[in-house]
Amino acid sequence: MQHALLCGAFVIGCAVIPVAARANLFSLFESGRAVQSGPRELYVTPDRDGLYYVFAEVNGARIRFVIDSGSDDVVLTGKDARRAGIDVSHLDFSEEYDAETGSGMEANTRVHQLAIGPLAMTDFPVAVNRDGGTSLLGMPFLRRMKSVEIRGGRLYLRW
């Protein structure tokens, strides 16, 4: 009897979700996840805020990035850099940056590997921000792509 009630509640719950809301719900599950759509192509769907987030492996650590064509660097927050095994106490935070979200100091270093699914780059240059913020996948990464395209709301990367 409990199983029947549980199934009934599930069916009723699904039936009252409008189609547009279900589409948004499904896009939430895809947000940040790169989907391989071809041999050397993947796409990312936008989040509810309109930004394209993607999870990448940096030295084996799963890091959430914003894909940002306005950033001159691939940027790791200090917290994300530590998760990727970078000893931030030995970095030289002598470079100034000025971004839309604020300004601060950063240090340049390299990561052994930056990978999004099958797309992997080794010995990759990154900047580490001393202060918070968000990790950014900027132009040094995007310039290595064969093409970057937004089609049907999705951001496609080809390499």
C-alpha atoms as a PDB file:
ATOM      1  CA  MET A   1       0.000   0.000   0.000  1.00  0.00           C
ATOM      2  CA  GLN A   2       2.800   2.425   0.795  1.00  0.00           C
ATOM      3  CA  HIS A   3       4.402   1.735  -2.573  1.00  0.00           C
ATOM      4  CA  ALA A   4       1.179   2.528  -4.403  1.00  0.00           C
ATOM      5  CA  LEU A   5       0.783   5.807  -2.543  1.00  0.00           C
ATOM      6  CA  LEU A   6       4.378   6.741  -3.204  1.00  0.00           C
ATOM      7  CA  CYS A   7       4.060   6.020  -6.931  1.00  0.00           C
ATOM      8  CA  GLY A   8       0.770   7.912  -7.061  1.00  0.00           C
ATOM      9  CA  ALA A   9       2.369  10.942  -5.442  1.00  0.00           C
ATOM     10  CA  PHE A  10       5.242  10.790  -7.919  1.00  0.00           C
ATOM     11  CA  VAL A  11       2.937  10.632 -10.935  1.00  0.00           C
ATOM     12  CA  ILE A  12       0.793  13.463  -9.616  1.00  0.00           C
ATOM     13  CA  GLY A  13       3.925  15.511  -8.868  1.00  0.00           C
ATOM     14  CA  CYS A  14       5.218  15.018 -12.395  1.00  0.00           C
ATOM     15  CA  ALA A  15       1.877  15.812 -13.965  1.00  0.00           C
ATOM     16  CA  VAL A  16       1.653  19.270 -12.415  1.00  0.00           C
ATOM     17  CA  ILE A  17       5.068  20.468 -13.599  1.00  0.00           C
ATOM     18  CA  PRO A  18       4.576  22.668 -16.686  1.00  0.00           C
ATOM     19  CA  VAL A  19       6.657  21.870 -19.758  1.00  0.00           C
ATOM     20  CA  ALA A  20       8.723  25.091 -19.452  1.00  0.00           C
ATOM     21  CA  ALA A  21       9.524  24.322 -15.815  1.00  0.00           C
ATOM     22  CA  ARG A  22      10.610  20.786 -16.733  1.00  0.00           C
ATOM     23  CA  ALA A  23      12.951  22.226 -19.383  1.00  0.00           C
ATOM     24  CA  ASN A  24      14.472  24.525 -16.747  1.00  0.00           C
ATOM     25  CA  LEU A  25      14.747  21.609 -14.332  1.00  0.00           C
ATOM     26  CA  PHE A  26      16.586  19.516 -16.916  1.00  0.00           C
ATOM     27  CA  SER A  27      18.908  22.417 -17.796  1.00  0.00           C
ATOM     28  CA  LEU A  28      19.839  22.633 -14.100  1.00  0.00           C
ATOM     29  CA  PHE A  29      21.053  19.045 -14.251  1.00  0.00           C
ATOM     30  CA  GLU A  30      23.152  19.906 -17.324  1.00  0.00           C
ATOM     31  CA  SER A  31      24.526  23.192 -15.945  1.00  0.00           C
ATOM     32  CA  GLY A  32      28.259  22.916 -15.502  1.00  0.00           C
ATOM     33  CA  ARG A  33      28.397  19.590 -17.279  1.00  0.00           C
ATOM     34  CA  ALA A  34      30.172  19.431 -20.616  1.00  0.00           C
ATOM     35  CA  VAL A  35      28.424  17.083 -23.026  1.00  0.00           C
ATOM     36  CA  GLN A  36      30.484  15.518 -25.788  1.00  0.00           C
ATOM     37  CA  SER A  37      28.596  16.055 -29.043  1.00  0.00           C
ATOM     38  CA  GLY A  38      31.228  14.943 -31.549  1.00  0.00           C
ATOM     39  CA  PRO A  39      34.709  13.414 -31.746  1.00  0.00           C
ATOM     40  CA  ARG A  40      36.383  16.760 -30.907  1.00  0.00           C
ATOM     41  CA  GLU A  41      33.391  18.805 -29.801  1.00  0.00           C
ATOM     42  CA  LEU A  42      31.511  19.406 -26.592  1.00  0.00           C
ATOM     43  CA  TYR A  43      28.825  21.800 -25.478  1.00  0.00           C
ATOM     44  CA  VAL A  44      27.802  23.521 -22.270  1.00  0.00           C
ATOM     45  CA  THR A  45      24.328  24.838 -21.470  1.00  0.00           C
ATOM     46  CA  PRO A  46      23.844  28.176 -19.711  1.00  0.00           C
ATOM     47  CA  ASP A  47      22.876  28.363 -16.068  1.00  0.00           C
ATOM     48  CA  ARG A  48      19.757  30.237 -14.945  1.00  0.00           C
ATOM     49  CA  ASP A  49      21.886  33.393 -14.614  1.00  0.00           C
ATOM     50  CA  GLY A  50      22.805  33.145 -18.314  1.00  0.00           C
ATOM     51  CA  LEU A  51      26.470  32.313 -17.652  1.00  0.00           C
ATOM     52  CA  TYR A  52      28.206  29.206 -18.940  1.00  0.00           C
ATOM     53  CA  TYR A  53      29.696  27.172 -16.093  1.00  0.00           C
ATOM     54  CA  VAL A  54      31.765  24.077 -16.656  1.00  0.00           C
ATOM     55  CA  PHE A  55      33.414  21.565 -14.362  1.00  0.00           C
ATOM     56  CA  ALA A  56      37.025  20.889 -15.292  1.00  0.00           C
ATOM     57  CA  GLU A  57      39.676  18.671 -13.763  1.00  0.00           C
ATOM     58  CA  VAL A  58      42.722  20.686 -12.691  1.00  0.00           C
ATOM     59  CA  ASN A  59      45.552  18.405 -11.596  1.00  0.00           C
ATOM     60  CA  GLY A  60      42.829  15.858 -10.813  1.00  0.00           C
ATOM     61  CA  ALA A  61      40.638  18.202  -8.714  1.00  0.00           C
ATOM     62  CA  ARG A  62      37.120  18.982  -9.939  1.00  0.00           C
ATOM     63  CA  ILE A  63      36.826  22.783 -10.261  1.00  0.00           C
ATOM     64  CA  ARG A  64      33.808  24.834 -11.377  1.00  0.00           C
ATOM     65  CA  PHE A  65      34.690  27.584 -13.878  1.00  0.00           C
ATOM     66  CA  VAL A  66      32.790  30.356 -15.598  1.00  0.00           C
ATOM     67  CA  ILE A  67      33.655  30.439 -19.301  1.00  0.00           C
ATOM     68  CA  ASP A  68      34.646  34.090 -19.725  1.00  0.00           C
ATOM     69  CA  SER A  69      35.792  35.472 -23.080  1.00  0.00           C
ATOM     70  CA  GLY A  70      36.416  38.808 -21.347  1.00  0.00           C
ATOM     71  CA  SER A  71      39.129  37.375 -19.110  1.00  0.00           C
ATOM     72  CA  ASP A  72      42.751  37.659 -20.240  1.00  0.00           C
ATOM     73  CA  ASP A  73      43.664  34.696 -18.028  1.00  0.00           C
ATOM     74  CA  VAL A  74      42.555  31.316 -16.871  1.00  0.00           C
ATOM     75  CA  VAL A  75      42.032  32.159 -13.211  1.00  0.00           C
ATOM     76  CA  LEU A  76      41.857  29.942 -10.158  1.00  0.00           C
ATOM     77  CA  THR A  77      40.634  31.231  -6.830  1.00  0.00           C
ATOM     78  CA  GLY A  78      43.053  30.615  -3.978  1.00  0.00           C
ATOM     79  CA  LYS A  79      40.702  27.953  -2.610  1.00  0.00           C
ATOM     80  CA  ASP A  80      40.470  26.166  -5.979  1.00  0.00           C
ATOM     81  CA  ALA A  81      44.250  26.418  -6.458  1.00  0.00           C
ATOM     82  CA  ARG A  82      44.800  24.679  -3.114  1.00  0.00           C
ATOM     83  CA  ARG A  83      42.296  21.969  -4.111  1.00  0.00           C
ATOM     84  CA  ALA A  84      44.367  21.466  -7.283  1.00  0.00           C
ATOM     85  CA  GLY A  85      47.496  20.914  -5.195  1.00  0.00           C
ATOM     86  CA  ILE A  86      49.088  24.333  -5.705  1.00  0.00           C
ATOM     87  CA  ASP A  87      50.991  25.602  -2.672  1.00  0.00           C
ATOM     88  CA  VAL A  88      49.731  29.185  -2.721  1.00  0.00           C
ATOM     89  CA  SER A  89      52.055  30.181   0.143  1.00  0.00           C
ATOM     90  CA  HIS A  90      54.985  29.975  -2.303  1.00  0.00           C
ATOM     91  CA  LEU A  91      53.362  32.083  -5.039  1.00  0.00           C
ATOM     92  CA  ASP A  92      54.390  35.667  -5.779  1.00  0.00           C
ATOM     93  CA  PHE A  93      51.176  37.711  -5.703  1.00  0.00           C
ATOM     94  CA  SER A  94      52.733  40.707  -7.451  1.00  0.00           C
ATOM     95  CA  GLU A  95      50.481  41.059 -10.504  1.00  0.00           C
ATOM     96  CA  GLU A  96      47.578  43.494 -10.273  1.00  0.00           C
ATOM     97  CA  TYR A  97      44.283  42.704 -11.939  1.00  0.00           C
ATOM     98  CA  ASP A  98      41.262  44.865 -12.503  1.00  0.00           C
ATOM     99  CA  ALA A  99      38.064  43.053 -13.393  1.00  0.00           C
ATOM    100  CA  GLU A 100      34.400  43.901 -13.626  1.00  0.00           C
ATOM    101  CA  THR A 101      33.915  42.301 -10.213  1.00  0.00           C
ATOM    102  CA  GLY A 102      36.797  44.135  -8.530  1.00  0.00           C
ATOM    103  CA  SER A 103      40.556  44.384  -8.380  1.00  0.00           C
ATOM    104  CA  GLY A 104      43.293  42.642  -6.453  1.00  0.00           C
ATOM    105  CA  MET A 105      46.563  40.782  -6.671  1.00  0.00           C
ATOM    106  CA  GLU A 106      47.292  37.548  -8.483  1.00  0.00           C
ATOM    107  CA  ALA A 107      50.200  35.203  -9.096  1.00  0.00           C
ATOM    108  CA  ASN A 108      51.114  33.401 -12.295  1.00  0.00           C
ATOM    109  CA  THR A 109      51.863  29.687 -12.267  1.00  0.00           C
ATOM    110  CA  ARG A 110      51.203  26.560 -14.309  1.00  0.00           C
ATOM    111  CA  VAL A 111      49.058  23.495 -13.754  1.00  0.00           C
ATOM    112  CA  HIS A 112      50.085  20.030 -14.833  1.00  0.00           C
ATOM    113  CA  GLN A 113      46.742  19.324 -16.507  1.00  0.00           C
ATOM    114  CA  LEU A 114      43.479  21.102 -17.274  1.00  0.00           C
ATOM    115  CA  ALA A 115      40.808  18.797 -18.688  1.00  0.00           C
ATOM    116  CA  ILE A 116      37.148  18.987 -19.612  1.00  0.00           C
ATOM    117  CA  GLY A 117      36.166  15.439 -20.462  1.00  0.00           C
ATOM    118  CA  PRO A 118      38.254  14.335 -23.454  1.00  0.00           C
ATOM    119  CA  LEU A 119      39.668  17.844 -23.964  1.00  0.00           C
ATOM    120  CA  ALA A 120      42.949  17.961 -22.028  1.00  0.00           C
ATOM    121  CA  MET A 121      45.810  20.448 -21.959  1.00  0.00           C
ATOM    122  CA  THR A 122      49.076  19.971 -20.108  1.00  0.00           C
ATOM    123  CA  ASP A 123      51.533  22.425 -18.551  1.00  0.00           C
ATOM    124  CA  PHE A 124      48.863  25.112 -18.772  1.00  0.00           C
ATOM    125  CA  PRO A 125      49.407  28.720 -17.544  1.00  0.00           C
ATOM    126  CA  VAL A 126      46.993  30.015 -14.903  1.00  0.00           C
ATOM    127  CA  ALA A 127      46.664  33.012 -12.627  1.00  0.00           C
ATOM    128  CA  VAL A 128      45.760  32.514  -8.980  1.00  0.00           C
ATOM    129  CA  ASN A 129      43.735  35.245  -7.270  1.00  0.00           C
ATOM    130  CA  ARG A 130      44.606  35.900  -3.667  1.00  0.00           C
ATOM    131  CA  ASP A 131      41.046  36.928  -2.821  1.00  0.00           C
ATOM    132  CA  GLY A 132      37.783  35.041  -3.410  1.00  0.00           C
ATOM    133  CA  GLY A 133      35.783  35.352  -6.584  1.00  0.00           C
ATOM    134  CA  THR A 134      35.140  32.676  -9.161  1.00  0.00           C
ATOM    135  CA  SER A 135      37.513  30.554 -11.196  1.00  0.00           C
ATOM    136  CA  LEU A 136      37.455  31.710 -14.826  1.00  0.00           C
ATOM    137  CA  LEU A 137      38.154  29.869 -18.057  1.00  0.00           C
ATOM    138  CA  GLY A 138      39.363  32.821 -20.120  1.00  0.00           C
ATOM    139  CA  MET A 139      40.978  33.584 -23.453  1.00  0.00           C
ATOM    140  CA  PRO A 140      44.211  31.550 -23.084  1.00  0.00           C
ATOM    141  CA  PHE A 141      41.974  28.461 -23.040  1.00  0.00           C
ATOM    142  CA  LEU A 142      39.471  29.662 -25.652  1.00  0.00           C
ATOM    143  CA  ARG A 143      42.227  30.673 -28.129  1.00  0.00           C
ATOM    144  CA  ARG A 144      43.378  27.048 -28.239  1.00  0.00           C
ATOM    145  CA  MET A 145      40.011  25.965 -29.596  1.00  0.00           C
ATOM    146  CA  LYS A 146      39.435  25.449 -33.296  1.00  0.00           C
ATOM    147  CA  SER A 147      36.121  27.260 -32.799  1.00  0.00           C
ATOM    148  CA  VAL A 148      33.868  28.613 -30.072  1.00  0.00           C
ATOM    149  CA  GLU A 149      30.224  29.047 -31.032  1.00  0.00           C
ATOM    150  CA  ILE A 150      26.912  29.729 -29.337  1.00  0.00           C
ATOM    151  CA  ARG A 151      24.137  27.935 -31.155  1.00  0.00           C
ATOM    152  CA  GLY A 152      20.640  27.255 -29.851  1.00  0.00           C
ATOM    153  CA  GLY A 153      21.672  28.696 -26.503  1.00  0.00           C
ATOM    154  CA  ARG A 154      24.488  26.176 -26.054  1.00  0.00           C
ATOM    155  CA  LEU A 155      28.179  27.067 -26.082  1.00  0.00           C
ATOM    156  CA  TYR A 156      30.098  24.692 -28.374  1.00  0.00           C
ATOM    157  CA  LEU A 157      33.850  24.145 -28.094  1.00  0.00           C
ATOM    158  CA  ARG A 158      35.719  22.409 -30.928  1.00  0.00           C
ATOM    159  CA  TRP A 159      39.387  21.475 -30.830  1.00  0.00           C
END
